[in-house]
Amino acid sequence: MTTTPDLARRVGEAMFAVDAASKDFLQMELLACEPGRARLRMTVREPMLNGHKICHGGLIFTLADSTFAFACNSHNKVAVAAGCSIEFLKPAHLGDVLTCEGVEQVLQGRHGIYDMKVTNQKGEVIAMFRGKSAQIQGHIVEPEAS
């Protein structure tokens, strides 16, 4: 069954509504949740800076990981991370607006591979993240009767 854009949007809205870490603690914004894709944004604030006065890598990772979660759950089948890696390419600074775009590369059976690109407001690539998802039982929103 093909995932509709409306279903993916409803999944994203339902997940984001209860995602206290992304929405409340890190003040991320969900910009889009589409079939196999997601886009989130986060502004680097003072409490996010490390001892070098740049954004802590773990918080950039969290932006990418959160984007991964929305992309791999967009099909309304509960999916969790089975593994991931990140490459940090450029520092993010106080006030930078980071946008992460996640795109499904392959979805076969229960497993998917997703690539995230984190960019700043200038379009510079800050980090690249690849995640492997595993679908488990359940749905995020109630499937509509056919």
N, C-alpha and C. Protein backbone atom coordinates (compact mmCIF):
# COMPACT_ATOMS: atom_id res chain seq x y z
N MET A 1 0.84 -1.18 0.00
CA MET A 1 0.00 0.00 0.00
C MET A 1 0.88 1.25 0.00
N THR A 2 0.58 2.20 -0.86
CA THR A 2 1.33 3.43 -0.98
C THR A 2 0.91 4.41 0.11
N THR A 3 1.90 5.06 0.69
CA THR A 3 1.62 6.07 1.72
C THR A 3 1.22 7.37 1.04
N THR A 4 0.09 7.94 1.45
CA THR A 4 -0.35 9.21 0.89
C THR A 4 0.33 10.36 1.62
N PRO A 5 0.48 11.50 0.96
CA PRO A 5 1.03 12.67 1.65
C PRO A 5 0.21 13.06 2.88
N ASP A 6 -1.13 12.91 2.81
CA ASP A 6 -1.98 13.26 3.94
C ASP A 6 -1.70 12.35 5.14
N LEU A 7 -1.55 11.05 4.88
CA LEU A 7 -1.25 10.11 5.97
C LEU A 7 0.09 10.45 6.61
N ALA A 8 1.11 10.69 5.79
CA ALA A 8 2.44 11.04 6.32
C ALA A 8 2.38 12.31 7.16
N ARG A 9 1.62 13.31 6.71
CA ARG A 9 1.47 14.56 7.46
C ARG A 9 0.80 14.29 8.80
N ARG A 10 -0.26 13.48 8.82
CA ARG A 10 -0.96 13.17 10.07
C ARG A 10 -0.05 12.40 11.03
N VAL A 11 0.77 11.49 10.49
CA VAL A 11 1.73 10.76 11.32
C VAL A 11 2.71 11.74 11.95
N GLY A 12 3.26 12.64 11.14
CA GLY A 12 4.21 13.63 11.65
C GLY A 12 3.60 14.50 12.73
N GLU A 13 2.39 14.98 12.50
CA GLU A 13 1.72 15.83 13.49
C GLU A 13 1.46 15.07 14.79
N ALA A 14 1.04 13.80 14.68
CA ALA A 14 0.77 13.01 15.88
C ALA A 14 2.05 12.76 16.68
N MET A 15 3.14 12.41 15.99
CA MET A 15 4.40 12.17 16.69
C MET A 15 4.93 13.45 17.33
N PHE A 16 4.90 14.55 16.57
CA PHE A 16 5.47 15.80 17.06
C PHE A 16 4.71 16.33 18.28
N ALA A 17 3.41 16.10 18.31
CA ALA A 17 2.59 16.58 19.42
C ALA A 17 3.05 16.02 20.77
N VAL A 18 3.63 14.84 20.78
CA VAL A 18 4.05 14.21 22.04
C VAL A 18 5.57 14.07 22.16
N ASP A 19 6.32 14.67 21.23
CA ASP A 19 7.78 14.58 21.22
C ASP A 19 8.36 15.72 22.06
N ALA A 20 8.34 15.55 23.37
CA ALA A 20 8.79 16.60 24.29
C ALA A 20 10.26 16.96 24.07
N ALA A 21 11.10 15.97 23.77
CA ALA A 21 12.53 16.24 23.59
C ALA A 21 12.77 17.19 22.41
N SER A 22 12.19 16.87 21.28
CA SER A 22 12.40 17.69 20.08
C SER A 22 11.66 19.02 20.17
N LYS A 23 10.37 18.95 20.49
CA LYS A 23 9.50 20.14 20.43
C LYS A 23 9.75 21.09 21.60
N ASP A 24 9.77 20.57 22.79
CA ASP A 24 9.82 21.42 23.97
C ASP A 24 11.25 21.71 24.45
N PHE A 25 12.04 20.67 24.62
CA PHE A 25 13.38 20.84 25.17
C PHE A 25 14.33 21.51 24.17
N LEU A 26 14.39 20.99 22.94
CA LEU A 26 15.31 21.54 21.94
C LEU A 26 14.66 22.58 21.03
N GLN A 27 13.35 22.77 21.18
CA GLN A 27 12.61 23.78 20.42
C GLN A 27 12.76 23.62 18.91
N MET A 28 12.75 22.36 18.45
CA MET A 28 12.77 22.08 17.01
C MET A 28 11.40 22.40 16.43
N GLU A 29 11.39 22.62 15.13
CA GLU A 29 10.15 22.82 14.38
C GLU A 29 10.04 21.71 13.35
N LEU A 30 8.87 21.10 13.25
CA LEU A 30 8.61 20.13 12.19
C LEU A 30 8.13 20.92 10.98
N LEU A 31 8.95 20.94 9.93
CA LEU A 31 8.61 21.70 8.72
C LEU A 31 7.81 20.85 7.74
N ALA A 32 8.11 19.55 7.67
CA ALA A 32 7.41 18.68 6.73
C ALA A 32 7.59 17.23 7.12
N CYS A 33 6.55 16.46 6.89
CA CYS A 33 6.61 15.00 7.01
C CYS A 33 5.84 14.46 5.81
N GLU A 34 6.57 13.85 4.89
CA GLU A 34 6.01 13.33 3.65
C GLU A 34 6.38 11.87 3.55
N PRO A 35 5.79 11.12 2.63
CA PRO A 35 6.15 9.70 2.52
C PRO A 35 7.66 9.51 2.30
N GLY A 36 8.33 8.90 3.30
CA GLY A 36 9.76 8.63 3.20
C GLY A 36 10.65 9.85 3.35
N ARG A 37 10.11 10.96 3.79
CA ARG A 37 10.89 12.20 3.90
C ARG A 37 10.44 13.00 5.12
N ALA A 38 11.35 13.81 5.64
CA ALA A 38 10.99 14.73 6.72
C ALA A 38 11.98 15.89 6.72
N ARG A 39 11.53 17.02 7.29
CA ARG A 39 12.39 18.20 7.42
C ARG A 39 12.10 18.86 8.75
N LEU A 40 13.16 19.06 9.55
CA LEU A 40 13.06 19.73 10.85
C LEU A 40 14.06 20.87 10.90
N ARG A 41 13.78 21.85 11.77
CA ARG A 41 14.65 23.01 11.92
C ARG A 41 14.89 23.28 13.40
N MET A 42 16.09 23.77 13.71
CA MET A 42 16.46 24.09 15.09
C MET A 42 17.44 25.27 15.07
N THR A 43 17.20 26.23 15.95
CA THR A 43 18.12 27.37 16.08
C THR A 43 19.09 27.09 17.22
N VAL A 44 20.37 27.34 16.98
CA VAL A 44 21.41 27.12 18.00
C VAL A 44 21.31 28.24 19.04
N ARG A 45 21.05 27.83 20.29
CA ARG A 45 20.92 28.77 21.40
C ARG A 45 22.10 28.62 22.36
N GLU A 46 22.27 29.58 23.23
CA GLU A 46 23.39 29.60 24.18
C GLU A 46 23.57 28.29 24.95
N PRO A 47 22.50 27.69 25.50
CA PRO A 47 22.70 26.44 26.27
C PRO A 47 23.16 25.26 25.42
N MET A 48 23.17 25.41 24.10
CA MET A 48 23.58 24.33 23.19
C MET A 48 25.07 24.36 22.87
N LEU A 49 25.77 25.37 23.37
CA LEU A 49 27.19 25.52 23.05
C LEU A 49 28.06 24.67 23.97
N ASN A 50 29.12 24.12 23.38
CA ASN A 50 30.06 23.32 24.16
C ASN A 50 31.24 24.19 24.61
N GLY A 51 32.29 23.56 25.11
CA GLY A 51 33.46 24.28 25.61
C GLY A 51 34.24 25.03 24.55
N HIS A 52 33.99 24.77 23.27
CA HIS A 52 34.62 25.50 22.16
C HIS A 52 33.73 26.64 21.66
N LYS A 53 32.59 26.85 22.33
CA LYS A 53 31.62 27.87 21.94
C LYS A 53 31.01 27.59 20.56
N ILE A 54 30.89 26.29 20.23
CA ILE A 54 30.17 25.86 19.03
C ILE A 54 29.08 24.89 19.48
N CYS A 55 28.13 24.64 18.59
CA CYS A 55 27.02 23.76 18.96
C CYS A 55 27.54 22.36 19.28
N HIS A 56 27.10 21.83 20.39
CA HIS A 56 27.48 20.48 20.82
C HIS A 56 27.07 19.48 19.74
N GLY A 57 28.00 18.62 19.35
CA GLY A 57 27.73 17.63 18.31
C GLY A 57 26.56 16.71 18.64
N GLY A 58 26.37 16.43 19.92
CA GLY A 58 25.26 15.57 20.31
C GLY A 58 23.91 16.19 19.99
N LEU A 59 23.84 17.52 19.99
CA LEU A 59 22.58 18.19 19.68
C LEU A 59 22.34 18.23 18.17
N ILE A 60 23.41 18.35 17.39
CA ILE A 60 23.28 18.23 15.93
C ILE A 60 22.85 16.81 15.59
N PHE A 61 23.45 15.84 16.28
CA PHE A 61 23.05 14.43 16.10
C PHE A 61 21.56 14.26 16.42
N THR A 62 21.10 14.90 17.50
CA THR A 62 19.71 14.75 17.91
C THR A 62 18.76 15.33 16.86
N LEU A 63 19.13 16.46 16.25
CA LEU A 63 18.33 17.02 15.16
C LEU A 63 18.23 16.01 14.01
N ALA A 64 19.36 15.42 13.64
CA ALA A 64 19.36 14.43 12.55
C ALA A 64 18.58 13.18 12.94
N ASP A 65 18.76 12.72 14.16
CA ASP A 65 18.06 11.52 14.63
C ASP A 65 16.55 11.75 14.69
N SER A 66 16.14 12.92 15.12
CA SER A 66 14.71 13.23 15.16
C SER A 66 14.13 13.28 13.75
N THR A 67 14.86 13.87 12.82
CA THR A 67 14.41 13.91 11.43
C THR A 67 14.29 12.50 10.88
N PHE A 68 15.25 11.66 11.18
CA PHE A 68 15.23 10.24 10.80
C PHE A 68 13.97 9.57 11.32
N ALA A 69 13.62 9.84 12.58
CA ALA A 69 12.43 9.22 13.17
C ALA A 69 11.17 9.59 12.39
N PHE A 70 11.04 10.86 12.03
CA PHE A 70 9.84 11.27 11.29
C PHE A 70 9.82 10.67 9.89
N ALA A 71 10.97 10.62 9.23
CA ALA A 71 11.01 10.06 7.87
C ALA A 71 10.68 8.57 7.88
N CYS A 72 11.27 7.81 8.80
CA CYS A 72 11.07 6.36 8.77
C CYS A 72 9.74 5.92 9.35
N ASN A 73 9.07 6.79 10.10
CA ASN A 73 7.73 6.47 10.61
C ASN A 73 6.62 7.03 9.71
N SER A 74 6.98 7.76 8.67
CA SER A 74 6.00 8.44 7.82
C SER A 74 5.03 7.49 7.12
N HIS A 75 5.38 6.21 7.04
CA HIS A 75 4.51 5.22 6.40
C HIS A 75 3.45 4.67 7.36
N ASN A 76 3.43 5.20 8.59
CA ASN A 76 2.47 4.79 9.62
C ASN A 76 2.68 3.35 10.09
N LYS A 77 3.91 2.88 10.01
CA LYS A 77 4.31 1.62 10.62
C LYS A 77 5.40 1.99 11.61
N VAL A 78 5.21 1.63 12.88
CA VAL A 78 6.17 2.03 13.90
C VAL A 78 7.56 1.51 13.53
N ALA A 79 8.52 2.43 13.48
CA ALA A 79 9.89 2.09 13.13
C ALA A 79 10.84 2.68 14.16
N VAL A 80 11.88 1.95 14.48
CA VAL A 80 12.90 2.40 15.42
C VAL A 80 14.26 2.32 14.76
N ALA A 81 15.22 3.00 15.34
CA ALA A 81 16.58 2.97 14.79
C ALA A 81 17.23 1.62 15.09
N ALA A 82 17.84 1.05 14.07
CA ALA A 82 18.61 -0.18 14.23
C ALA A 82 20.11 0.14 14.20
N GLY A 83 20.44 1.33 13.76
CA GLY A 83 21.83 1.76 13.71
C GLY A 83 21.93 3.08 12.98
N CYS A 84 23.03 3.80 13.21
CA CYS A 84 23.22 5.06 12.52
C CYS A 84 24.66 5.52 12.66
N SER A 85 25.02 6.45 11.80
CA SER A 85 26.35 7.08 11.90
C SER A 85 26.22 8.52 11.44
N ILE A 86 27.15 9.35 11.88
CA ILE A 86 27.13 10.77 11.51
C ILE A 86 28.55 11.23 11.21
N GLU A 87 28.64 12.14 10.27
CA GLU A 87 29.91 12.79 9.93
C GLU A 87 29.69 14.29 10.14
N PHE A 88 30.49 14.89 11.03
CA PHE A 88 30.43 16.32 11.27
C PHE A 88 31.39 17.01 10.31
N LEU A 89 30.89 17.94 9.51
CA LEU A 89 31.70 18.55 8.45
C LEU A 89 32.06 20.00 8.70
N LYS A 90 31.27 20.68 9.51
CA LYS A 90 31.48 22.11 9.75
C LYS A 90 30.83 22.45 11.09
N PRO A 91 31.41 23.35 11.87
CA PRO A 91 30.77 23.71 13.15
C PRO A 91 29.53 24.57 12.94
N ALA A 92 28.62 24.47 13.89
CA ALA A 92 27.46 25.36 13.94
C ALA A 92 27.66 26.31 15.10
N HIS A 93 27.27 27.56 14.90
CA HIS A 93 27.53 28.63 15.87
C HIS A 93 26.24 29.18 16.46
N LEU A 94 26.39 29.92 17.55
CA LEU A 94 25.27 30.57 18.21
C LEU A 94 24.47 31.38 17.18
N GLY A 95 23.15 31.14 17.16
CA GLY A 95 22.27 31.86 16.24
C GLY A 95 22.07 31.17 14.90
N ASP A 96 22.91 30.18 14.59
CA ASP A 96 22.71 29.46 13.32
C ASP A 96 21.35 28.77 13.33
N VAL A 97 20.71 28.77 12.18
CA VAL A 97 19.45 28.06 12.01
C VAL A 97 19.76 26.80 11.20
N LEU A 98 19.65 25.66 11.87
CA LEU A 98 19.99 24.38 11.25
C LEU A 98 18.72 23.71 10.73
N THR A 99 18.78 23.26 9.49
CA THR A 99 17.68 22.53 8.88
C THR A 99 18.19 21.16 8.51
N CYS A 100 17.41 20.14 8.85
CA CYS A 100 17.78 18.77 8.50
C CYS A 100 16.72 18.21 7.57
N GLU A 101 17.18 17.71 6.44
CA GLU A 101 16.31 17.06 5.45
C GLU A 101 16.65 15.59 5.44
N GLY A 102 15.65 14.76 5.64
CA GLY A 102 15.84 13.31 5.64
C GLY A 102 15.12 12.67 4.48
N VAL A 103 15.81 11.74 3.80
CA VAL A 103 15.25 11.10 2.62
C VAL A 103 15.48 9.59 2.68
N GLU A 104 14.40 8.86 2.46
CA GLU A 104 14.47 7.41 2.38
C GLU A 104 15.25 7.00 1.14
N GLN A 105 16.24 6.13 1.32
CA GLN A 105 17.02 5.62 0.20
C GLN A 105 16.48 4.27 -0.28
N VAL A 106 16.10 3.44 0.69
CA VAL A 106 15.54 2.13 0.35
C VAL A 106 14.68 1.66 1.53
N LEU A 107 13.60 0.98 1.21
CA LEU A 107 12.75 0.36 2.21
C LEU A 107 12.41 -1.03 1.68
N GLN A 108 12.98 -2.05 2.31
CA GLN A 108 12.77 -3.44 1.89
C GLN A 108 12.36 -4.25 3.10
N GLY A 109 11.19 -4.86 3.00
CA GLY A 109 10.70 -5.62 4.14
C GLY A 109 10.55 -4.70 5.33
N ARG A 110 11.15 -5.10 6.45
CA ARG A 110 11.04 -4.31 7.69
C ARG A 110 12.14 -3.27 7.84
N HIS A 111 13.12 -3.25 6.93
CA HIS A 111 14.29 -2.39 7.10
C HIS A 111 14.37 -1.28 6.06
N GLY A 112 14.83 -0.12 6.52
CA GLY A 112 15.02 1.01 5.63
C GLY A 112 16.35 1.69 5.89
N ILE A 113 16.84 2.38 4.85
CA ILE A 113 18.05 3.19 4.96
C ILE A 113 17.66 4.62 4.61
N TYR A 114 18.06 5.56 5.48
CA TYR A 114 17.68 6.97 5.33
C TYR A 114 18.92 7.85 5.46
N ASP A 115 19.00 8.87 4.62
CA ASP A 115 20.09 9.84 4.69
C ASP A 115 19.56 11.20 5.13
N MET A 116 20.25 11.81 6.10
CA MET A 116 19.91 13.14 6.61
C MET A 116 21.04 14.09 6.25
N LYS A 117 20.67 15.29 5.81
CA LYS A 117 21.65 16.35 5.57
C LYS A 117 21.29 17.53 6.44
N VAL A 118 22.22 17.96 7.30
CA VAL A 118 22.02 19.12 8.17
C VAL A 118 22.76 20.30 7.55
N THR A 119 22.01 21.38 7.28
CA THR A 119 22.60 22.58 6.70
C THR A 119 22.31 23.78 7.59
N ASN A 120 23.11 24.83 7.43
CA ASN A 120 22.85 26.08 8.16
C ASN A 120 22.08 27.03 7.25
N GLN A 121 21.80 28.22 7.75
CA GLN A 121 21.00 29.20 7.00
C GLN A 121 21.68 29.67 5.73
N LYS A 122 22.98 29.42 5.59
CA LYS A 122 23.71 29.80 4.37
C LYS A 122 23.71 28.66 3.35
N GLY A 123 23.12 27.52 3.72
CA GLY A 123 23.12 26.36 2.83
C GLY A 123 24.37 25.50 2.95
N GLU A 124 25.24 25.83 3.91
CA GLU A 124 26.46 25.04 4.11
C GLU A 124 26.11 23.74 4.83
N VAL A 125 26.72 22.64 4.39
CA VAL A 125 26.46 21.34 5.01
C VAL A 125 27.25 21.23 6.31
N ILE A 126 26.52 21.03 7.41
CA ILE A 126 27.11 20.92 8.74
C ILE A 126 27.42 19.46 9.07
N ALA A 127 26.51 18.56 8.68
CA ALA A 127 26.69 17.14 9.01
C ALA A 127 25.86 16.28 8.06
N MET A 128 26.32 15.04 7.90
CA MET A 128 25.59 14.00 7.15
C MET A 128 25.39 12.83 8.09
N PHE A 129 24.19 12.28 8.08
CA PHE A 129 23.79 11.20 8.99
C PHE A 129 23.12 10.12 8.15
N ARG A 130 23.45 8.87 8.41
CA ARG A 130 22.76 7.74 7.77
C ARG A 130 22.18 6.86 8.85
N GLY A 131 20.91 6.53 8.71
CA GLY A 131 20.25 5.68 9.68
C GLY A 131 19.64 4.45 9.04
N LYS A 132 19.64 3.36 9.81
CA LYS A 132 18.97 2.13 9.40
C LYS A 132 17.79 1.93 10.34
N SER A 133 16.60 1.76 9.77
CA SER A 133 15.40 1.59 10.59
C SER A 133 14.93 0.14 10.56
N ALA A 134 14.19 -0.22 11.60
CA ALA A 134 13.54 -1.53 11.68
C ALA A 134 12.10 -1.29 12.08
N GLN A 135 11.18 -1.80 11.28
CA GLN A 135 9.76 -1.67 11.62
C GLN A 135 9.39 -2.73 12.64
N ILE A 136 8.60 -2.29 13.62
CA ILE A 136 8.09 -3.19 14.64
C ILE A 136 6.56 -3.13 14.57
N GLN A 137 5.89 -3.82 15.45
CA GLN A 137 4.42 -3.84 15.40
C GLN A 137 3.84 -2.50 15.81
N GLY A 138 2.74 -2.16 15.17
CA GLY A 138 1.98 -0.98 15.56
C GLY A 138 1.93 0.10 14.51
N HIS A 139 1.03 1.06 14.76
CA HIS A 139 0.83 2.22 13.89
C HIS A 139 0.87 3.47 14.75
N ILE A 140 1.19 4.58 14.15
CA ILE A 140 1.22 5.85 14.87
C ILE A 140 -0.19 6.42 14.95
N VAL A 141 -0.90 6.43 13.84
CA VAL A 141 -2.30 6.87 13.81
C VAL A 141 -3.14 5.69 13.35
N GLU A 142 -4.40 5.72 13.70
CA GLU A 142 -5.29 4.63 13.29
C GLU A 142 -5.40 4.59 11.78
N PRO A 143 -5.13 3.42 11.18
CA PRO A 143 -5.28 3.33 9.71
C PRO A 143 -6.75 3.53 9.34
N GLU A 144 -6.96 4.20 8.23
CA GLU A 144 -8.33 4.41 7.76
C GLU A 144 -8.85 3.13 7.14
N ALA A 145 -10.11 2.85 7.37
CA ALA A 145 -10.73 1.65 6.80
C ALA A 145 -10.80 1.79 5.28
N SER A 146 -10.51 0.68 4.58
CA SER A 146 -10.56 0.76 3.12
C SER A 146 -11.87 0.29 2.58
